[in-house]
Amino acid sequence: MGMYKYVRKLWKQPKNNMPELWRERLMKWRREPTTVRISKPTRIDRARSLGYKAKQGFIIVRQKVGRGGHVRLYDTHGRKPRKMRKRMVLNKSYKQIAEERANRKYPNCEVLNSYEVAKDGVNQWYEVILVDTAAPEIKNDKDINWIINKQHKRRVYRGLTSAAKKSRGLRNKGRGAEKFRPSRNQNNY
């Protein structure tokens, strides 16, 4: 575990600890498409702690998400409805949006988890760990084969990933968390 401790320490302040590499990466990533499949994780310590293994069946995708408000696209003619706003209120984090978009590109996979790799004034980049549920290496791995069960299908769209559970308030338990279960919508909260 010695090496990962130092890698984690570097990533605490990447802009100060590796300024040249940081600048080069951002310049390169800005020119790349929104969703890019990569061969190995940029932050190996974070990926391993979230369940990534260097074996077939695990896919790493770098996903770019635009920062700022979510402007609603609507027709400029006619009267607008009373409750309509110019901006959409998603109640979702950038991380959750990144996971959903990555899963749309790879529909045969399930999202395991994700982590942030960089951000600037306009964009934010996440690396999403996807698992190919049809791969025999995944089916035979006791640590990860829970994800092939039918109750985990399309889990990212049902708010079952770590980022989604956080924005749904499900990390809180006990007193003060009464309105979060079964869901915020059901409790009119």
C-alpha atoms as a PDB file:
ATOM      1  CA  MET A   1       0.000   0.000   0.000  1.00  0.00           C
ATOM      2  CA  GLY A   2       3.072   2.237   0.111  1.00  0.00           C
ATOM      3  CA  MET A   3       2.935   3.514  -3.468  1.00  0.00           C
ATOM      4  CA  TYR A   4      -0.757   4.413  -3.416  1.00  0.00           C
ATOM      5  CA  LYS A   5      -0.237   6.624  -0.368  1.00  0.00           C
ATOM      6  CA  TYR A   6       2.161   8.849  -2.330  1.00  0.00           C
ATOM      7  CA  VAL A   7      -0.031   8.870  -5.435  1.00  0.00           C
ATOM      8  CA  ARG A   8      -2.974   9.980  -3.298  1.00  0.00           C
ATOM      9  CA  LYS A   9      -0.834  12.713  -1.754  1.00  0.00           C
ATOM     10  CA  LEU A  10       0.064  14.049  -5.234  1.00  0.00           C
ATOM     11  CA  TRP A  11      -3.608  14.179  -6.224  1.00  0.00           C
ATOM     12  CA  LYS A  12      -4.564  16.240  -3.167  1.00  0.00           C
ATOM     13  CA  GLN A  13      -3.238  19.348  -4.969  1.00  0.00           C
ATOM     14  CA  PRO A  14      -2.476  18.277  -8.547  1.00  0.00           C
ATOM     15  CA  LYS A  15      -2.152  21.818  -9.894  1.00  0.00           C
ATOM     16  CA  ASN A  16       0.677  22.590  -7.449  1.00  0.00           C
ATOM     17  CA  ASN A  17       2.330  19.151  -7.313  1.00  0.00           C
ATOM     18  CA  MET A  18       2.495  18.496 -11.079  1.00  0.00           C
ATOM     19  CA  PRO A  19       1.872  21.827 -12.879  1.00  0.00           C
ATOM     20  CA  GLU A  20       3.387  20.949 -16.287  1.00  0.00           C
ATOM     21  CA  LEU A  21       1.600  17.610 -16.544  1.00  0.00           C
ATOM     22  CA  TRP A  22      -1.641  19.213 -15.338  1.00  0.00           C
ATOM     23  CA  ARG A  23      -1.485  21.919 -18.020  1.00  0.00           C
ATOM     24  CA  GLU A  24      -0.652  19.435 -20.795  1.00  0.00           C
ATOM     25  CA  ARG A  25      -3.488  17.115 -19.794  1.00  0.00           C
ATOM     26  CA  LEU A  26      -6.087  19.886 -19.714  1.00  0.00           C
ATOM     27  CA  MET A  27      -4.982  21.199 -23.121  1.00  0.00           C
ATOM     28  CA  LYS A  28      -5.253  17.693 -24.578  1.00  0.00           C
ATOM     29  CA  TRP A  29      -8.552  16.805 -22.895  1.00  0.00           C
ATOM     30  CA  ARG A  30     -10.246  20.020 -24.069  1.00  0.00           C
ATOM     31  CA  ARG A  31      -9.674  18.984 -27.696  1.00  0.00           C
ATOM     32  CA  GLU A  32     -10.923  15.416 -27.169  1.00  0.00           C
ATOM     33  CA  PRO A  33     -14.529  14.247 -27.624  1.00  0.00           C
ATOM     34  CA  THR A  34     -16.913  14.277 -24.670  1.00  0.00           C
ATOM     35  CA  THR A  35     -16.691  10.540 -23.996  1.00  0.00           C
ATOM     36  CA  VAL A  36     -13.304   8.832 -24.387  1.00  0.00           C
ATOM     37  CA  ARG A  37     -12.476   5.230 -23.537  1.00  0.00           C
ATOM     38  CA  ILE A  38      -9.014   4.963 -21.988  1.00  0.00           C
ATOM     39  CA  SER A  39      -6.786   1.931 -21.473  1.00  0.00           C
ATOM     40  CA  LYS A  40      -5.895   2.540 -17.816  1.00  0.00           C
ATOM     41  CA  PRO A  41      -7.082   4.886 -15.053  1.00  0.00           C
ATOM     42  CA  THR A  42      -5.394   8.255 -14.552  1.00  0.00           C
ATOM     43  CA  ARG A  43      -5.800   7.980 -10.771  1.00  0.00           C
ATOM     44  CA  ILE A  44      -4.908   4.359 -10.062  1.00  0.00           C
ATOM     45  CA  ASP A  45      -5.238   4.793  -6.289  1.00  0.00           C
ATOM     46  CA  ARG A  46      -8.805   6.124  -6.533  1.00  0.00           C
ATOM     47  CA  ALA A  47      -9.866   3.565  -9.120  1.00  0.00           C
ATOM     48  CA  ARG A  48      -8.564   0.648  -7.063  1.00  0.00           C
ATOM     49  CA  SER A  49     -10.262   1.913  -3.905  1.00  0.00           C
ATOM     50  CA  LEU A  50     -13.587   2.093  -5.800  1.00  0.00           C
ATOM     51  CA  GLY A  51     -13.371  -1.520  -7.000  1.00  0.00           C
ATOM     52  CA  TYR A  52     -11.433  -1.366 -10.293  1.00  0.00           C
ATOM     53  CA  LYS A  53      -9.298  -4.371 -11.246  1.00  0.00           C
ATOM     54  CA  ALA A  54      -6.907  -4.596 -14.193  1.00  0.00           C
ATOM     55  CA  LYS A  55      -8.729  -7.461 -15.898  1.00  0.00           C
ATOM     56  CA  GLN A  56     -11.059  -7.989 -18.812  1.00  0.00           C
ATOM     57  CA  GLY A  57     -14.580  -6.794 -18.180  1.00  0.00           C
ATOM     58  CA  PHE A  58     -13.566  -3.492 -16.573  1.00  0.00           C
ATOM     59  CA  ILE A  59     -13.768  -0.398 -18.781  1.00  0.00           C
ATOM     60  CA  ILE A  60     -12.579   3.117 -17.900  1.00  0.00           C
ATOM     61  CA  VAL A  61     -14.228   6.071 -19.648  1.00  0.00           C
ATOM     62  CA  ARG A  62     -13.227   9.727 -19.287  1.00  0.00           C
ATOM     63  CA  GLN A  63     -16.388  11.838 -19.413  1.00  0.00           C
ATOM     64  CA  LYS A  64     -16.489  15.603 -19.872  1.00  0.00           C
ATOM     65  CA  VAL A  65     -19.380  17.555 -18.333  1.00  0.00           C
ATOM     66  CA  GLY A  66     -20.023  21.251 -18.907  1.00  0.00           C
ATOM     67  CA  ARG A  67     -20.167  23.332 -15.755  1.00  0.00           C
ATOM     68  CA  GLY A  68     -22.839  25.888 -14.971  1.00  0.00           C
ATOM     69  CA  GLY A  69     -26.633  25.937 -14.994  1.00  0.00           C
ATOM     70  CA  HIS A  70     -28.783  23.721 -17.166  1.00  0.00           C
ATOM     71  CA  VAL A  71     -30.616  25.957 -19.608  1.00  0.00           C
ATOM     72  CA  ARG A  72     -33.970  24.615 -20.746  1.00  0.00           C
ATOM     73  CA  LEU A  73     -34.487  24.379 -24.497  1.00  0.00           C
ATOM     74  CA  TYR A  74     -37.925  25.652 -25.434  1.00  0.00           C
ATOM     75  CA  ASP A  75     -39.751  27.417 -28.231  1.00  0.00           C
ATOM     76  CA  THR A  76     -39.660  31.218 -28.123  1.00  0.00           C
ATOM     77  CA  HIS A  77     -43.202  31.643 -29.502  1.00  0.00           C
ATOM     78  CA  GLY A  78     -46.398  31.459 -27.514  1.00  0.00           C
ATOM     79  CA  ARG A  79     -47.210  31.905 -23.860  1.00  0.00           C
ATOM     80  CA  LYS A  80     -45.020  30.024 -21.425  1.00  0.00           C
ATOM     81  CA  PRO A  81     -46.627  27.796 -18.789  1.00  0.00           C
ATOM     82  CA  ARG A  82     -46.919  29.272 -15.293  1.00  0.00           C
ATOM     83  CA  LYS A  83     -44.455  26.867 -13.655  1.00  0.00           C
ATOM     84  CA  MET A  84     -41.854  26.924 -16.407  1.00  0.00           C
ATOM     85  CA  ARG A  85     -38.387  28.246 -15.629  1.00  0.00           C
ATOM     86  CA  LYS A  86     -35.528  29.237 -17.868  1.00  0.00           C
ATOM     87  CA  ARG A  87     -33.216  26.862 -16.046  1.00  0.00           C
ATOM     88  CA  MET A  88     -33.834  23.217 -15.235  1.00  0.00           C
ATOM     89  CA  VAL A  89     -33.548  22.098 -11.624  1.00  0.00           C
ATOM     90  CA  LEU A  90     -32.098  18.608 -11.922  1.00  0.00           C
ATOM     91  CA  ASN A  91     -31.192  17.820  -8.300  1.00  0.00           C
ATOM     92  CA  LYS A  92     -28.225  15.915  -9.748  1.00  0.00           C
ATOM     93  CA  SER A  93     -24.498  16.393  -9.335  1.00  0.00           C
ATOM     94  CA  TYR A  94     -22.082  16.686 -12.261  1.00  0.00           C
ATOM     95  CA  LYS A  95     -20.752  13.284 -11.237  1.00  0.00           C
ATOM     96  CA  GLN A  96     -24.149  11.644 -11.612  1.00  0.00           C
ATOM     97  CA  ILE A  97     -24.673  13.297 -15.005  1.00  0.00           C
ATOM     98  CA  ALA A  98     -21.240  12.033 -16.129  1.00  0.00           C
ATOM     99  CA  GLU A  99     -22.105   8.470 -15.068  1.00  0.00           C
ATOM    100  CA  GLU A 100     -25.406   8.529 -16.959  1.00  0.00           C
ATOM    101  CA  ARG A 101     -23.819   9.888 -20.145  1.00  0.00           C
ATOM    102  CA  ALA A 102     -21.025   7.315 -20.042  1.00  0.00           C
ATOM    103  CA  ASN A 103     -23.566   4.519 -19.616  1.00  0.00           C
ATOM    104  CA  ARG A 104     -25.542   5.777 -22.625  1.00  0.00           C
ATOM    105  CA  LYS A 105     -22.423   5.312 -24.767  1.00  0.00           C
ATOM    106  CA  TYR A 106     -21.833   1.810 -23.367  1.00  0.00           C
ATOM    107  CA  PRO A 107     -25.333   0.356 -22.821  1.00  0.00           C
ATOM    108  CA  ASN A 108     -24.078  -3.224 -22.386  1.00  0.00           C
ATOM    109  CA  CYS A 109     -22.173  -2.207 -19.226  1.00  0.00           C
ATOM    110  CA  GLU A 110     -23.140  -1.190 -15.709  1.00  0.00           C
ATOM    111  CA  VAL A 111     -21.636   1.758 -13.828  1.00  0.00           C
ATOM    112  CA  LEU A 112     -19.643   0.684 -10.791  1.00  0.00           C
ATOM    113  CA  ASN A 113     -18.437   4.096  -9.609  1.00  0.00           C
ATOM    114  CA  SER A 114     -16.622   7.249 -10.721  1.00  0.00           C
ATOM    115  CA  TYR A 115     -14.160   9.879  -9.540  1.00  0.00           C
ATOM    116  CA  GLU A 116     -13.095  13.386 -10.535  1.00  0.00           C
ATOM    117  CA  VAL A 117      -9.836  13.853 -12.443  1.00  0.00           C
ATOM    118  CA  ALA A 118      -9.837  17.554 -13.379  1.00  0.00           C
ATOM    119  CA  LYS A 119     -11.845  20.723 -13.746  1.00  0.00           C
ATOM    120  CA  ASP A 120     -11.426  24.168 -15.216  1.00  0.00           C
ATOM    121  CA  GLY A 121     -13.739  27.155 -15.539  1.00  0.00           C
ATOM    122  CA  VAL A 122     -15.856  25.560 -18.269  1.00  0.00           C
ATOM    123  CA  ASN A 123     -15.658  21.770 -17.908  1.00  0.00           C
ATOM    124  CA  GLN A 124     -15.277  19.024 -15.361  1.00  0.00           C
ATOM    125  CA  TRP A 125     -13.803  15.598 -16.160  1.00  0.00           C
ATOM    126  CA  TYR A 126     -14.685  12.326 -14.454  1.00  0.00           C
ATOM    127  CA  GLU A 127     -13.426   8.812 -14.995  1.00  0.00           C
ATOM    128  CA  VAL A 128     -16.284   6.330 -14.851  1.00  0.00           C
ATOM    129  CA  ILE A 129     -15.642   2.662 -14.037  1.00  0.00           C
ATOM    130  CA  LEU A 130     -17.918   0.467 -16.149  1.00  0.00           C
ATOM    131  CA  VAL A 131     -18.333  -3.301 -15.817  1.00  0.00           C
ATOM    132  CA  ASP A 132     -19.190  -5.564 -18.749  1.00  0.00           C
ATOM    133  CA  THR A 133     -21.776  -7.907 -17.227  1.00  0.00           C
ATOM    134  CA  ALA A 134     -21.459 -10.475 -20.031  1.00  0.00           C
ATOM    135  CA  ALA A 135     -17.712 -11.033 -19.528  1.00  0.00           C
ATOM    136  CA  PRO A 136     -16.843 -14.466 -18.051  1.00  0.00           C
ATOM    137  CA  GLU A 137     -14.082 -12.881 -15.932  1.00  0.00           C
ATOM    138  CA  ILE A 138     -16.728 -10.778 -14.175  1.00  0.00           C
ATOM    139  CA  LYS A 139     -19.102 -13.722 -13.688  1.00  0.00           C
ATOM    140  CA  ASN A 140     -16.349 -15.758 -12.006  1.00  0.00           C
ATOM    141  CA  ASP A 141     -15.086 -12.946  -9.745  1.00  0.00           C
ATOM    142  CA  LYS A 142     -16.726 -13.180  -6.304  1.00  0.00           C
ATOM    143  CA  ASP A 143     -15.960  -9.540  -5.473  1.00  0.00           C
ATOM    144  CA  ILE A 144     -17.847  -8.044  -8.421  1.00  0.00           C
ATOM    145  CA  ASN A 145     -20.299 -10.674  -9.731  1.00  0.00           C
ATOM    146  CA  TRP A 146     -23.117  -9.159  -7.633  1.00  0.00           C
ATOM    147  CA  ILE A 147     -23.486  -6.546 -10.383  1.00  0.00           C
ATOM    148  CA  ILE A 148     -24.775  -9.124 -12.901  1.00  0.00           C
ATOM    149  CA  ASN A 149     -27.907  -9.796 -10.821  1.00  0.00           C
ATOM    150  CA  LYS A 150     -31.149  -8.485 -12.293  1.00  0.00           C
ATOM    151  CA  GLN A 151     -31.820  -5.974  -9.483  1.00  0.00           C
ATOM    152  CA  HIS A 152     -28.700  -4.024 -10.542  1.00  0.00           C
ATOM    153  CA  LYS A 153     -29.730  -3.547 -14.170  1.00  0.00           C
ATOM    154  CA  ARG A 154     -29.629   0.099 -15.300  1.00  0.00           C
ATOM    155  CA  ARG A 155     -28.654   1.061 -11.746  1.00  0.00           C
ATOM    156  CA  VAL A 156     -27.243   4.439 -12.776  1.00  0.00           C
ATOM    157  CA  TYR A 157     -30.650   5.610 -14.077  1.00  0.00           C
ATOM    158  CA  ARG A 158     -32.440   4.496 -10.904  1.00  0.00           C
ATOM    159  CA  GLY A 159     -30.197   6.455  -8.542  1.00  0.00           C
ATOM    160  CA  LEU A 160     -28.354   3.451  -7.089  1.00  0.00           C
ATOM    161  CA  THR A 161     -24.747   4.572  -7.588  1.00  0.00           C
ATOM    162  CA  SER A 162     -22.779   6.265  -4.825  1.00  0.00           C
ATOM    163  CA  ALA A 163     -23.079   9.761  -6.352  1.00  0.00           C
ATOM    164  CA  ALA A 164     -26.835   9.380  -6.819  1.00  0.00           C
ATOM    165  CA  LYS A 165     -27.405   8.113  -3.281  1.00  0.00           C
ATOM    166  CA  LYS A 166     -25.534  11.141  -1.965  1.00  0.00           C
ATOM    167  CA  SER A 167     -27.727  13.616  -3.871  1.00  0.00           C
ATOM    168  CA  ARG A 168     -30.849  11.701  -2.801  1.00  0.00           C
ATOM    169  CA  GLY A 169     -29.810  12.139   0.835  1.00  0.00           C
ATOM    170  CA  LEU A 170     -29.485   8.422   1.522  1.00  0.00           C
ATOM    171  CA  ARG A 171     -26.142   8.741   3.319  1.00  0.00           C
ATOM    172  CA  ASN A 172     -28.007  10.207   6.299  1.00  0.00           C
ATOM    173  CA  LYS A 173     -29.658   7.864   8.752  1.00  0.00           C
ATOM    174  CA  GLY A 174     -31.688   8.259  11.905  1.00  0.00           C
ATOM    175  CA  ARG A 175     -33.000  11.499  13.340  1.00  0.00           C
ATOM    176  CA  GLY A 176     -33.325  14.290  10.791  1.00  0.00           C
ATOM    177  CA  ALA A 177     -33.456  11.930   7.811  1.00  0.00           C
ATOM    178  CA  GLU A 178     -37.169  11.092   8.018  1.00  0.00           C
ATOM    179  CA  LYS A 179     -38.072  12.945   4.817  1.00  0.00           C
ATOM    180  CA  PHE A 180     -35.507  11.183   2.626  1.00  0.00           C
ATOM    181  CA  ARG A 181     -37.110   7.750   2.678  1.00  0.00           C
ATOM    182  CA  PRO A 182     -38.671   6.230   0.653  1.00  0.00           C
ATOM    183  CA  SER A 183     -37.884   9.243  -1.562  1.00  0.00           C
ATOM    184  CA  ARG A 184     -38.026  13.033  -1.574  1.00  0.00           C
ATOM    185  CA  ASN A 185     -40.808  13.095  -4.183  1.00  0.00           C
ATOM    186  CA  GLN A 186     -42.988  10.698  -2.244  1.00  0.00           C
ATOM    187  CA  ASN A 187     -42.648  12.806   0.897  1.00  0.00           C
ATOM    188  CA  ASN A 188     -43.309  16.066  -1.025  1.00  0.00           C
ATOM    189  CA  TYR A 189     -39.950  17.402   0.141  1.00  0.00           C
END
